[in-house]
Amino acid sequence: MTVPAEGAPPPVIPEMNHRAGREGRLRWAIITSLCVRPLAVLIPLIVVPVFISYLGTERYGLYESIGAMAAWVVSPAGRSATC
């Protein structure tokens, strides 16, 4: 092991270099977010017409209504403060 010169910063140990790992994870999160957002728009554009053709408009409306009510009941915003 070599001794650093006078006034030189201490050597960087890979296990202790958390900043590089954090920057890499942030970069990966941004890239994946940019890839997923268009899919979140495209998938419903494809799936909704398929569901409507399979279920019909009335049954599809019932399906969506039940799903919305279930999401409302499960979400914290759907509960009152007195419960």
Protein backbone atom coordinates (compact mmCIF):
# COMPACT_ATOMS: atom_id res chain seq x y z
CA MET A 1 0.00 0.00 0.00
CA THR A 2 1.38 3.40 -0.92
CA VAL A 3 1.36 6.38 1.41
CA PRO A 4 -0.44 9.44 -0.01
CA ALA A 5 1.60 12.61 -0.48
CA GLU A 6 1.40 15.40 2.07
CA GLY A 7 -1.89 17.32 1.66
CA ALA A 8 -3.32 14.84 -0.86
CA PRO A 9 -6.86 13.61 -0.26
CA PRO A 10 -7.19 10.10 1.14
CA PRO A 11 -7.57 7.32 -1.41
CA VAL A 12 -11.12 6.46 -2.41
CA ILE A 13 -12.14 2.98 -1.36
CA PRO A 14 -14.80 1.55 -3.74
CA GLU A 15 -17.01 0.33 -0.89
CA MET A 16 -17.05 3.80 0.61
CA ASN A 17 -17.83 5.66 -2.60
CA HIS A 18 -21.58 5.87 -2.01
CA ARG A 19 -22.03 8.94 -4.19
CA ALA A 20 -21.17 7.08 -7.40
CA GLY A 21 -23.63 4.31 -6.55
CA ARG A 22 -26.35 6.82 -5.69
CA GLU A 23 -25.79 8.71 -8.96
CA GLY A 24 -25.95 5.46 -10.91
CA ARG A 25 -29.23 4.46 -9.26
CA LEU A 26 -30.68 7.92 -9.91
CA ARG A 27 -29.66 7.77 -13.56
CA TRP A 28 -31.21 4.29 -13.90
CA ALA A 29 -34.44 5.47 -12.22
CA ILE A 30 -34.76 8.40 -14.63
CA ILE A 31 -34.15 6.22 -17.68
CA THR A 32 -36.67 3.58 -16.62
CA SER A 33 -39.23 6.26 -15.76
CA LEU A 34 -38.89 7.77 -19.22
CA CYS A 35 -39.39 4.32 -20.77
CA VAL A 36 -42.41 3.38 -18.63
CA ARG A 37 -44.42 6.60 -19.03
CA PRO A 38 -45.21 6.09 -22.74
CA LEU A 39 -46.30 2.53 -21.93
CA ALA A 40 -48.70 3.87 -19.33
CA VAL A 41 -50.40 5.83 -22.12
CA LEU A 42 -50.27 3.17 -24.83
CA ILE A 43 -51.50 0.16 -22.87
CA PRO A 44 -54.94 1.61 -22.01
CA LEU A 45 -55.35 2.75 -25.62
CA ILE A 46 -55.00 -0.88 -26.67
CA VAL A 47 -56.70 -2.67 -23.75
CA VAL A 48 -59.87 -0.57 -23.39
CA PRO A 49 -61.20 -1.24 -26.92
CA VAL A 50 -60.46 -4.95 -26.46
CA PHE A 51 -62.36 -5.01 -23.16
CA ILE A 52 -65.30 -3.10 -24.68
CA SER A 53 -65.51 -5.48 -27.63
CA TYR A 54 -65.32 -8.48 -25.30
CA LEU A 55 -67.66 -7.28 -22.52
CA GLY A 56 -69.85 -4.75 -24.31
CA THR A 57 -70.30 -1.17 -23.17
CA GLU A 58 -72.71 -1.89 -20.33
CA ARG A 59 -70.64 -4.66 -18.73
CA TYR A 60 -67.43 -2.69 -19.24
CA GLY A 61 -69.01 0.27 -17.42
CA LEU A 62 -70.01 -2.01 -14.57
CA TYR A 63 -66.48 -3.47 -14.48
CA GLU A 64 -64.94 0.02 -14.27
CA SER A 65 -67.47 1.15 -11.63
CA ILE A 66 -66.75 -1.81 -9.37
CA GLY A 67 -63.01 -1.28 -9.80
CA ALA A 68 -63.31 2.42 -8.95
CA MET A 69 -65.41 1.71 -5.85
CA ALA A 70 -62.96 -0.95 -4.68
CA ALA A 71 -60.05 1.46 -5.12
CA TRP A 72 -61.96 4.16 -3.23
CA VAL A 73 -62.72 1.84 -0.30
CA VAL A 74 -59.12 0.64 -0.04
CA SER A 75 -57.50 4.08 -0.37
CA PRO A 76 -56.91 6.18 2.74
CA ALA A 77 -58.75 9.11 1.10
CA GLY A 78 -61.92 7.00 0.99
CA ARG A 79 -62.08 6.69 4.78
CA SER A 80 -63.40 9.39 7.04
CA ALA A 81 -61.40 10.71 9.98
CA THR A 82 -63.97 9.45 12.48
CA CYS A 83 -63.66 5.74 11.62
